[in-house]
PDB file of all heavy atoms in Angstrom:
ATOM      1  N   ARG A   1     -99.647  31.570  84.581  1.00  0.00           N
ATOM      2  CA  ARG A   1    -100.747  32.016  85.424  1.00  0.00           C
ATOM      3  C   ARG A   1    -100.279  32.928  86.540  1.00  0.00           C
ATOM      4  O   ARG A   1    -100.995  33.850  86.935  1.00  0.00           O
ATOM      5  CB  ARG A   1    -101.466  30.804  86.009  1.00  0.00           C
ATOM      6  CG  ARG A   1    -102.493  31.147  87.074  1.00  0.00           C
ATOM      7  CD  ARG A   1    -103.147  29.924  87.654  1.00  0.00           C
ATOM      8  NE  ARG A   1    -104.130  29.348  86.747  1.00  0.00           N
ATOM      9  CZ  ARG A   1    -104.901  28.321  87.040  1.00  0.00           C
ATOM     10  NH1 ARG A   1    -104.789  27.727  88.226  1.00  0.00           N
ATOM     11  NH2 ARG A   1    -105.764  27.866  86.146  1.00  0.00           N
ATOM     12  N   ALA A   2     -99.068  32.693  87.051  1.00  0.00           N
ATOM     13  CA  ALA A   2     -98.568  33.426  88.204  1.00  0.00           C
ATOM     14  C   ALA A   2     -97.855  34.723  87.837  1.00  0.00           C
ATOM     15  O   ALA A   2     -97.129  35.268  88.659  1.00  0.00           O
ATOM     16  CB  ALA A   2     -97.633  32.531  89.022  1.00  0.00           C
ATOM     17  N   PHE A   3     -98.071  35.219  86.639  1.00  0.00           N
ATOM     18  CA  PHE A   3     -97.414  36.435  86.196  1.00  0.00           C
ATOM     19  C   PHE A   3     -97.547  37.572  87.193  1.00  0.00           C
ATOM     20  O   PHE A   3     -96.586  38.298  87.454  1.00  0.00           O
ATOM     21  CB  PHE A   3     -97.981  36.851  84.834  1.00  0.00           C
ATOM     22  CG  PHE A   3     -97.493  38.181  84.344  1.00  0.00           C
ATOM     23  CD1 PHE A   3     -96.270  38.284  83.707  1.00  0.00           C
ATOM     24  CD2 PHE A   3     -98.249  39.321  84.519  1.00  0.00           C
ATOM     25  CE1 PHE A   3     -95.811  39.507  83.244  1.00  0.00           C
ATOM     26  CE2 PHE A   3     -97.813  40.551  84.068  1.00  0.00           C
ATOM     27  CZ  PHE A   3     -96.580  40.644  83.422  1.00  0.00           C
ATOM     28  N   ALA A   4     -98.713  37.743  87.745  1.00  0.00           N
ATOM     29  CA  ALA A   4     -98.968  38.862  88.639  1.00  0.00           C
ATOM     30  C   ALA A   4     -98.115  38.827  89.892  1.00  0.00           C
ATOM     31  O   ALA A   4     -97.929  39.862  90.540  1.00  0.00           O
ATOM     32  CB  ALA A   4    -100.446  38.909  89.015  1.00  0.00           C
ATOM     33  N   TRP A   5     -97.597  37.686  90.225  1.00  0.00           N
ATOM     34  CA  TRP A   5     -96.796  37.525  91.434  1.00  0.00           C
ATOM     35  C   TRP A   5     -95.301  37.645  91.190  1.00  0.00           C
ATOM     36  O   TRP A   5     -94.518  37.602  92.138  1.00  0.00           O
ATOM     37  CB  TRP A   5     -97.100  36.177  92.083  1.00  0.00           C
ATOM     38  CG  TRP A   5     -98.535  36.028  92.460  1.00  0.00           C
ATOM     39  CD1 TRP A   5     -99.507  35.412  91.740  1.00  0.00           C
ATOM     40  CD2 TRP A   5     -99.165  36.524  93.644  1.00  0.00           C
ATOM     41  NE1 TRP A   5    -100.710  35.482  92.394  1.00  0.00           N
ATOM     42  CE2 TRP A   5    -100.525  36.167  93.577  1.00  0.00           C
ATOM     43  CE3 TRP A   5     -98.707  37.234  94.753  1.00  0.00           C
ATOM     44  CZ2 TRP A   5    -101.434  36.491  94.575  1.00  0.00           C
ATOM     45  CZ3 TRP A   5     -99.607  37.564  95.746  1.00  0.00           C
ATOM     46  CH2 TRP A   5    -100.955  37.190  95.653  1.00  0.00           C
ATOM     47  N   TYR A   6     -94.915  37.788  89.955  1.00  0.00           N
ATOM     48  CA  TYR A   6     -93.500  37.823  89.612  1.00  0.00           C
ATOM     49  C   TYR A   6     -92.975  39.241  89.520  1.00  0.00           C
ATOM     50  O   TYR A   6     -93.700  40.172  89.184  1.00  0.00           O
ATOM     51  CB  TYR A   6     -93.260  37.138  88.265  1.00  0.00           C
ATOM     52  CG  TYR A   6     -93.550  35.662  88.223  1.00  0.00           C
ATOM     53  CD1 TYR A   6     -93.779  35.041  86.999  1.00  0.00           C
ATOM     54  CD2 TYR A   6     -93.579  34.891  89.369  1.00  0.00           C
ATOM     55  CE1 TYR A   6     -94.033  33.684  86.921  1.00  0.00           C
ATOM     56  CE2 TYR A   6     -93.845  33.531  89.309  1.00  0.00           C
ATOM     57  CZ  TYR A   6     -94.066  32.936  88.080  1.00  0.00           C
ATOM     58  OH  TYR A   6     -94.323  31.591  88.012  1.00  0.00           O
ATOM     59  N   VAL A   7     -91.692  39.377  89.800  1.00  0.00           N
ATOM     60  CA  VAL A   7     -90.977  40.613  89.514  1.00  0.00           C
ATOM     61  C   VAL A   7     -90.551  40.582  88.053  1.00  0.00           C
ATOM     62  O   VAL A   7     -89.974  39.600  87.587  1.00  0.00           O
ATOM     63  CB  VAL A   7     -89.752  40.767  90.428  1.00  0.00           C
ATOM     64  CG1 VAL A   7     -88.926  41.974  90.009  1.00  0.00           C
ATOM     65  CG2 VAL A   7     -90.190  40.902  91.880  1.00  0.00           C
ATOM     66  N   MET A   8     -90.840  41.648  87.348  1.00  0.00           N
ATOM     67  CA  MET A   8     -90.462  41.761  85.953  1.00  0.00           C
ATOM     68  C   MET A   8     -89.385  42.823  85.802  1.00  0.00           C
ATOM     69  O   MET A   8     -89.444  43.867  86.450  1.00  0.00           O
ATOM     70  CB  MET A   8     -91.658  42.135  85.087  1.00  0.00           C
ATOM     71  CG  MET A   8     -92.809  41.147  85.154  1.00  0.00           C
ATOM     72  SD  MET A   8     -92.385  39.543  84.412  1.00  0.00           S
ATOM     73  CE  MET A   8     -92.081  40.025  82.707  1.00  0.00           C
ATOM     74  N   GLY A   9     -88.430  42.547  84.954  1.00  0.00           N
ATOM     75  CA  GLY A   9     -87.341  43.486  84.772  1.00  0.00           C
ATOM     76  C   GLY A   9     -86.970  43.681  83.320  1.00  0.00           C
ATOM     77  O   GLY A   9     -87.272  42.851  82.459  1.00  0.00           O
ATOM     78  N   TRP A  10     -86.333  44.803  83.071  1.00  0.00           N
ATOM     79  CA  TRP A  10     -85.700  45.067  81.790  1.00  0.00           C
ATOM     80  C   TRP A  10     -84.206  45.249  82.022  1.00  0.00           C
ATOM     81  O   TRP A  10     -83.792  45.987  82.922  1.00  0.00           O
ATOM     82  CB  TRP A  10     -86.258  46.321  81.120  1.00  0.00           C
ATOM     83  CG  TRP A  10     -87.636  46.163  80.561  1.00  0.00           C
ATOM     84  CD1 TRP A  10     -88.810  46.503  81.137  1.00  0.00           C
ATOM     85  CD2 TRP A  10     -87.961  45.625  79.266  1.00  0.00           C
ATOM     86  NE1 TRP A  10     -89.861  46.220  80.310  1.00  0.00           N
ATOM     87  CE2 TRP A  10     -89.373  45.679  79.152  1.00  0.00           C
ATOM     88  CE3 TRP A  10     -87.211  45.119  78.207  1.00  0.00           C
ATOM     89  CZ2 TRP A  10     -90.040  45.232  78.007  1.00  0.00           C
ATOM     90  CZ3 TRP A  10     -87.875  44.669  77.082  1.00  0.00           C
ATOM     91  CH2 TRP A  10     -89.274  44.736  76.990  1.00  0.00           C
ATOM     92  N   PHE A  11     -83.432  44.574  81.210  1.00  0.00           N
ATOM     93  CA  PHE A  11     -81.990  44.717  81.206  1.00  0.00           C
ATOM     94  C   PHE A  11     -81.541  45.065  79.801  1.00  0.00           C
ATOM     95  O   PHE A  11     -82.286  44.869  78.832  1.00  0.00           O
ATOM     96  CB  PHE A  11     -81.306  43.424  81.657  1.00  0.00           C
ATOM     97  CG  PHE A  11     -81.469  43.125  83.121  1.00  0.00           C
ATOM     98  CD1 PHE A  11     -82.668  42.637  83.623  1.00  0.00           C
ATOM     99  CD2 PHE A  11     -80.415  43.331  83.998  1.00  0.00           C
ATOM    100  CE1 PHE A  11     -82.819  42.360  84.968  1.00  0.00           C
ATOM    101  CE2 PHE A  11     -80.551  43.052  85.352  1.00  0.00           C
ATOM    102  CZ  PHE A  11     -81.749  42.572  85.839  1.00  0.00           C
ATOM    103  N   ARG A  12     -80.338  45.556  79.691  1.00  0.00           N
ATOM    104  CA  ARG A  12     -79.791  45.825  78.369  1.00  0.00           C
ATOM    105  C   ARG A  12     -78.329  45.441  78.340  1.00  0.00           C
ATOM    106  O   ARG A  12     -77.647  45.426  79.362  1.00  0.00           O
ATOM    107  CB  ARG A  12     -79.980  47.290  77.976  1.00  0.00           C
ATOM    108  CG  ARG A  12     -79.202  48.286  78.826  1.00  0.00           C
ATOM    109  CD  ARG A  12     -79.617  49.710  78.470  1.00  0.00           C
ATOM    110  NE  ARG A  12     -78.844  50.699  79.196  1.00  0.00           N
ATOM    111  CZ  ARG A  12     -79.104  52.002  79.174  1.00  0.00           C
ATOM    112  NH1 ARG A  12     -80.129  52.462  78.457  1.00  0.00           N
ATOM    113  NH2 ARG A  12     -78.341  52.839  79.869  1.00  0.00           N
ATOM    114  N   GLN A  13     -77.874  45.133  77.156  1.00  0.00           N
ATOM    115  CA  GLN A  13     -76.488  44.746  76.980  1.00  0.00           C
ATOM    116  C   GLN A  13     -75.967  45.341  75.681  1.00  0.00           C
ATOM    117  O   GLN A  13     -76.422  44.980  74.595  1.00  0.00           O
ATOM    118  CB  GLN A  13     -76.334  43.229  76.969  1.00  0.00           C
ATOM    119  CG  GLN A  13     -74.892  42.765  76.974  1.00  0.00           C
ATOM    120  CD  GLN A  13     -74.767  41.294  77.320  1.00  0.00           C
ATOM    121  OE1 GLN A  13     -75.719  40.522  77.163  1.00  0.00           O
ATOM    122  NE2 GLN A  13     -73.609  40.897  77.801  1.00  0.00           N
ATOM    123  N   ALA A  14     -75.027  46.239  75.821  1.00  0.00           N
ATOM    124  CA  ALA A  14     -74.357  46.809  74.669  1.00  0.00           C
ATOM    125  C   ALA A  14     -73.220  45.894  74.241  1.00  0.00           C
ATOM    126  O   ALA A  14     -72.716  45.090  75.027  1.00  0.00           O
ATOM    127  CB  ALA A  14     -73.834  48.198  74.997  1.00  0.00           C
ATOM    128  N   ALA A  15     -72.817  46.018  73.006  1.00  0.00           N
ATOM    129  CA  ALA A  15     -71.747  45.179  72.479  1.00  0.00           C
ATOM    130  C   ALA A  15     -70.495  45.313  73.319  1.00  0.00           C
ATOM    131  O   ALA A  15     -70.034  46.421  73.594  1.00  0.00           O
ATOM    132  CB  ALA A  15     -71.461  45.552  71.032  1.00  0.00           C
ATOM    133  N   GLY A  16     -69.964  44.188  73.744  1.00  0.00           N
ATOM    134  CA  GLY A  16     -68.739  44.183  74.514  1.00  0.00           C
ATOM    135  C   GLY A  16     -68.880  44.580  75.962  1.00  0.00           C
ATOM    136  O   GLY A  16     -67.866  44.720  76.657  1.00  0.00           O
ATOM    137  N   LYS A  17     -70.100  44.755  76.441  1.00  0.00           N
ATOM    138  CA  LYS A  17     -70.304  45.185  77.812  1.00  0.00           C
ATOM    139  C   LYS A  17     -71.135  44.167  78.588  1.00  0.00           C
ATOM    140  O   LYS A  17     -71.762  43.279  78.017  1.00  0.00           O
ATOM    141  CB  LYS A  17     -70.993  46.552  77.842  1.00  0.00           C
ATOM    142  CG  LYS A  17     -70.180  47.668  77.216  1.00  0.00           C
ATOM    143  CD  LYS A  17     -70.880  49.006  77.350  1.00  0.00           C
ATOM    144  CE  LYS A  17     -70.057  50.124  76.750  1.00  0.00           C
ATOM    145  NZ  LYS A  17     -70.746  51.434  76.863  1.00  0.00           N
ATOM    146  N   GLU A  18     -71.124  44.328  79.901  1.00  0.00           N
ATOM    147  CA  GLU A  18     -71.912  43.469  80.763  1.00  0.00           C
ATOM    148  C   GLU A  18     -73.392  43.813  80.661  1.00  0.00           C
ATOM    149  O   GLU A  18     -73.763  44.940  80.331  1.00  0.00           O
ATOM    150  CB  GLU A  18     -71.448  43.616  82.213  1.00  0.00           C
ATOM    151  CG  GLU A  18     -70.022  43.171  82.475  1.00  0.00           C
ATOM    152  CD  GLU A  18     -69.874  41.673  82.377  1.00  0.00           C
ATOM    153  OE1 GLU A  18     -70.800  40.945  82.818  1.00  0.00           O
ATOM    154  OE2 GLU A  18     -68.849  41.212  81.856  1.00  0.00           O
ATOM    155  N   ARG A  19     -74.206  42.839  80.961  1.00  0.00           N
ATOM    156  CA  ARG A  19     -75.637  43.088  81.005  1.00  0.00           C
ATOM    157  C   ARG A  19     -75.949  44.034  82.158  1.00  0.00           C
ATOM    158  O   ARG A  19     -75.482  43.843  83.284  1.00  0.00           O
ATOM    159  CB  ARG A  19     -76.395  41.779  81.153  1.00  0.00           C
ATOM    160  CG  ARG A  19     -77.899  41.924  80.964  1.00  0.00           C
ATOM    161  CD  ARG A  19     -78.554  40.583  80.688  1.00  0.00           C
ATOM    162  NE  ARG A  19     -78.077  39.996  79.445  1.00  0.00           N
ATOM    163  CZ  ARG A  19     -78.591  38.911  78.892  1.00  0.00           C
ATOM    164  NH1 ARG A  19     -79.611  38.292  79.471  1.00  0.00           N
ATOM    165  NH2 ARG A  19     -78.080  38.435  77.763  1.00  0.00           N
ATOM    166  N   GLU A  20     -76.752  45.026  81.878  1.00  0.00           N
ATOM    167  CA  GLU A  20     -76.992  46.127  82.789  1.00  0.00           C
ATOM    168  C   GLU A  20     -78.465  46.218  83.161  1.00  0.00           C
ATOM    169  O   GLU A  20     -79.349  46.157  82.303  1.00  0.00           O
ATOM    170  CB  GLU A  20     -76.537  47.435  82.125  1.00  0.00           C
ATOM    171  CG  GLU A  20     -76.827  48.701  82.901  1.00  0.00           C
ATOM    172  CD  GLU A  20     -76.549  49.945  82.086  1.00  0.00           C
ATOM    173  OE1 GLU A  20     -76.607  49.879  80.848  1.00  0.00           O
ATOM    174  OE2 GLU A  20     -76.255  50.990  82.695  1.00  0.00           O
ATOM    175  N   PHE A  21     -78.710  46.398  84.428  1.00  0.00           N
ATOM    176  CA  PHE A  21     -80.070  46.615  84.897  1.00  0.00           C
ATOM    177  C   PHE A  21     -80.616  47.929  84.378  1.00  0.00           C
ATOM    178  O   PHE A  21     -79.921  48.943  84.382  1.00  0.00           O
ATOM    179  CB  PHE A  21     -80.087  46.618  86.430  1.00  0.00           C
ATOM    180  CG  PHE A  21     -81.401  47.028  87.026  1.00  0.00           C
ATOM    181  CD1 PHE A  21     -82.455  46.144  87.089  1.00  0.00           C
ATOM    182  CD2 PHE A  21     -81.572  48.308  87.532  1.00  0.00           C
ATOM    183  CE1 PHE A  21     -83.667  46.513  87.642  1.00  0.00           C
ATOM    184  CE2 PHE A  21     -82.776  48.691  88.092  1.00  0.00           C
ATOM    185  CZ  PHE A  21     -83.828  47.789  88.141  1.00  0.00           C
ATOM    186  N   VAL A  22     -81.863  47.905  83.948  1.00  0.00           N
ATOM    187  CA  VAL A  22     -82.528  49.110  83.472  1.00  0.00           C
ATOM    188  C   VAL A  22     -83.685  49.496  84.382  1.00  0.00           C
ATOM    189  O   VAL A  22     -83.748  50.616  84.889  1.00  0.00           O
ATOM    190  CB  VAL A  22     -83.040  48.929  82.029  1.00  0.00           C
ATOM    191  CG1 VAL A  22     -83.837  50.160  81.581  1.00  0.00           C
ATOM    192  CG2 VAL A  22     -81.876  48.671  81.082  1.00  0.00           C
ATOM    193  N   ALA A  23     -84.601  48.568  84.583  1.00  0.00           N
ATOM    194  CA  ALA A  23     -85.781  48.855  85.384  1.00  0.00           C
ATOM    195  C   ALA A  23     -86.422  47.553  85.821  1.00  0.00           C
ATOM    196  O   ALA A  23     -86.225  46.501  85.207  1.00  0.00           O
ATOM    197  CB  ALA A  23     -86.791  49.691  84.596  1.00  0.00           C
ATOM    198  N   ALA A  24     -87.196  47.624  86.879  1.00  0.00           N
ATOM    199  CA  ALA A  24     -87.937  46.467  87.356  1.00  0.00           C
ATOM    200  C   ALA A  24     -89.244  46.933  87.962  1.00  0.00           C
ATOM    201  O   ALA A  24     -89.375  48.082  88.392  1.00  0.00           O
ATOM    202  CB  ALA A  24     -87.123  45.675  88.381  1.00  0.00           C
ATOM    203  N   ILE A  25     -90.187  46.025  88.001  1.00  0.00           N
ATOM    204  CA  ILE A  25     -91.478  46.334  88.591  1.00  0.00           C
ATOM    205  C   ILE A  25     -91.956  45.130  89.380  1.00  0.00           C
ATOM    206  O   ILE A  25     -91.885  43.992  88.921  1.00  0.00           O
ATOM    207  CB  ILE A  25     -92.497  46.769  87.507  1.00  0.00           C
ATOM    208  CG1 ILE A  25     -93.799  47.247  88.149  1.00  0.00           C
ATOM    209  CG2 ILE A  25     -92.738  45.659  86.491  1.00  0.00           C
ATOM    210  CD1 ILE A  25     -94.683  48.029  87.179  1.00  0.00           C
ATOM    211  N   SER A  26     -92.423  45.386  90.580  1.00  0.00           N
ATOM    212  CA  SER A  26     -92.850  44.320  91.465  1.00  0.00           C
ATOM    213  C   SER A  26     -94.280  43.908  91.172  1.00  0.00           C
ATOM    214  O   SER A  26     -94.992  44.537  90.381  1.00  0.00           O
ATOM    215  CB  SER A  26     -92.729  44.767  92.922  1.00  0.00           C
ATOM    216  OG  SER A  26     -93.731  45.726  93.237  1.00  0.00           O
ATOM    217  N   TRP A  27     -94.708  42.870  91.868  1.00  0.00           N
ATOM    218  CA  TRP A  27     -96.083  42.395  91.707  1.00  0.00           C
ATOM    219  C   TRP A  27     -97.092  43.456  92.121  1.00  0.00           C
ATOM    220  O   TRP A  27     -98.221  43.476  91.620  1.00  0.00           O
ATOM    221  CB  TRP A  27     -96.291  41.132  92.532  1.00  0.00           C
ATOM    222  CG  TRP A  27     -96.127  41.347  94.012  1.00  0.00           C
ATOM    223  CD1 TRP A  27     -94.987  41.201  94.739  1.00  0.00           C
ATOM    224  CD2 TRP A  27     -97.143  41.752  94.932  1.00  0.00           C
ATOM    225  NE1 TRP A  27     -95.226  41.496  96.061  1.00  0.00           N
ATOM    226  CE2 TRP A  27     -96.543  41.832  96.208  1.00  0.00           C
ATOM    227  CE3 TRP A  27     -98.497  42.050  94.809  1.00  0.00           C
ATOM    228  CZ2 TRP A  27     -97.249  42.211  97.347  1.00  0.00           C
ATOM    229  CZ3 TRP A  27     -99.216  42.429  95.941  1.00  0.00           C
ATOM    230  CH2 TRP A  27     -98.579  42.500  97.190  1.00  0.00           C
ATOM    231  N   SER A  28     -96.687  44.318  93.042  1.00  0.00           N
ATOM    232  CA  SER A  28     -97.582  45.355  93.534  1.00  0.00           C
ATOM    233  C   SER A  28     -97.550  46.622  92.694  1.00  0.00           C
ATOM    234  O   SER A  28     -98.316  47.550  92.955  1.00  0.00           O
ATOM    235  CB  SER A  28     -97.235  45.694  94.978  1.00  0.00           C
ATOM    236  OG  SER A  28     -95.938  46.245  95.075  1.00  0.00           O
ATOM    237  N   GLY A  29     -96.660  46.666  91.713  1.00  0.00           N
ATOM    238  CA  GLY A  29     -96.564  47.830  90.859  1.00  0.00           C
ATOM    239  C   GLY A  29     -95.483  48.819  91.234  1.00  0.00           C
ATOM    240  O   GLY A  29     -95.342  49.852  90.563  1.00  0.00           O
ATOM    241  N   SER A  30     -94.722  48.541  92.272  1.00  0.00           N
ATOM    242  CA  SER A  30     -93.599  49.401  92.617  1.00  0.00           C
ATOM    243  C   SER A  30     -92.520  49.277  91.563  1.00  0.00           C
ATOM    244  O   SER A  30     -92.179  48.168  91.149  1.00  0.00           O
ATOM    245  CB  SER A  30     -93.044  49.031  93.984  1.00  0.00           C
ATOM    246  OG  SER A  30     -94.012  49.217  94.997  1.00  0.00           O
ATOM    247  N   SER A  31     -91.980  50.396  91.141  1.00  0.00           N
ATOM    248  CA  SER A  31     -90.989  50.391  90.076  1.00  0.00           C
ATOM    249  C   SER A  31     -89.637  50.877  90.567  1.00  0.00           C
ATOM    250  O   SER A  31     -89.539  51.655  91.530  1.00  0.00           O
ATOM    251  CB  SER A  31     -91.462  51.243  88.901  1.00  0.00           C
ATOM    252  OG  SER A  31     -91.722  52.573  89.314  1.00  0.00           O
ATOM    253  N   PHE A  32     -88.605  50.437  89.880  1.00  0.00           N
ATOM    254  CA  PHE A  32     -87.232  50.751  90.240  1.00  0.00           C
ATOM    255  C   PHE A  32     -86.450  50.986  88.954  1.00  0.00           C
ATOM    256  O   PHE A  32     -86.665  50.299  87.952  1.00  0.00           O
ATOM    257  CB  PHE A  32     -86.613  49.601  91.037  1.00  0.00           C
ATOM    258  CG  PHE A  32     -87.467  49.146  92.181  1.00  0.00           C
ATOM    259  CD1 PHE A  32     -88.424  48.166  91.995  1.00  0.00           C
ATOM    260  CD2 PHE A  32     -87.334  49.715  93.436  1.00  0.00           C
ATOM    261  CE1 PHE A  32     -89.232  47.743  93.046  1.00  0.00           C
ATOM    262  CE2 PHE A  32     -88.136  49.305  94.492  1.00  0.00           C
ATOM    263  CZ  PHE A  32     -89.081  48.321  94.300  1.00  0.00           C
ATOM    264  N   TYR A  33     -85.525  51.936  89.002  1.00  0.00           N
ATOM    265  CA  TYR A  33     -84.800  52.325  87.800  1.00  0.00           C
ATOM    266  C   TYR A  33     -83.319  52.483  88.058  1.00  0.00           C
ATOM    267  O   TYR A  33     -82.896  52.896  89.138  1.00  0.00           O
ATOM    268  CB  TYR A  33     -85.337  53.650  87.257  1.00  0.00           C
ATOM    269  CG  TYR A  33     -86.785  53.610  86.853  1.00  0.00           C
ATOM    270  CD1 TYR A  33     -87.789  53.962  87.752  1.00  0.00           C
ATOM    271  CD2 TYR A  33     -87.142  53.212  85.571  1.00  0.00           C
ATOM    272  CE1 TYR A  33     -89.120  53.918  87.382  1.00  0.00           C
ATOM    273  CE2 TYR A  33     -88.471  53.166  85.190  1.00  0.00           C
ATOM    274  CZ  TYR A  33     -89.455  53.521  86.104  1.00  0.00           C
ATOM    275  OH  TYR A  33     -90.779  53.472  85.721  1.00  0.00           O
ATOM    276  N   ALA A  34     -82.552  52.174  87.040  1.00  0.00           N
ATOM    277  CA  ALA A  34     -81.149  52.531  87.070  1.00  0.00           C
ATOM    278  C   ALA A  34     -81.019  54.045  86.994  1.00  0.00           C
ATOM    279  O   ALA A  34     -81.840  54.722  86.368  1.00  0.00           O
ATOM    280  CB  ALA A  34     -80.408  51.890  85.897  1.00  0.00           C
ATOM    281  N   ASP A  35     -79.990  54.564  87.631  1.00  0.00           N
ATOM    282  CA  ASP A  35     -79.794  56.010  87.625  1.00  0.00           C
ATOM    283  C   ASP A  35     -79.683  56.563  86.206  1.00  0.00           C
ATOM    284  O   ASP A  35     -80.104  57.688  85.940  1.00  0.00           O
ATOM    285  CB  ASP A  35     -78.539  56.373  88.416  1.00  0.00           C
ATOM    286  CG  ASP A  35     -78.710  56.191  89.907  1.00  0.00           C
ATOM    287  OD1 ASP A  35     -79.863  56.114  90.378  1.00  0.00           O
ATOM    288  OD2 ASP A  35     -77.686  56.137  90.610  1.00  0.00           O
ATOM    289  N   SER A  36     -79.133  55.783  85.318  1.00  0.00           N
ATOM    290  CA  SER A  36     -78.900  56.246  83.960  1.00  0.00           C
ATOM    291  C   SER A  36     -80.179  56.488  83.164  1.00  0.00           C
ATOM    292  O   SER A  36     -80.146  57.180  82.144  1.00  0.00           O
ATOM    293  CB  SER A  36     -78.013  55.246  83.209  1.00  0.00           C
ATOM    294  OG  SER A  36     -78.624  53.969  83.165  1.00  0.00           O
TER     295      SER A  36
END
């Protein structure tokens, strides 16, 4: 039910590498991106 209040993110992990931040979006719709 509280989905709208959560920060949602996308991460990715290539074989043999650390999990990497890709993008996130706040409850208000503000978005953030990795430089890549």
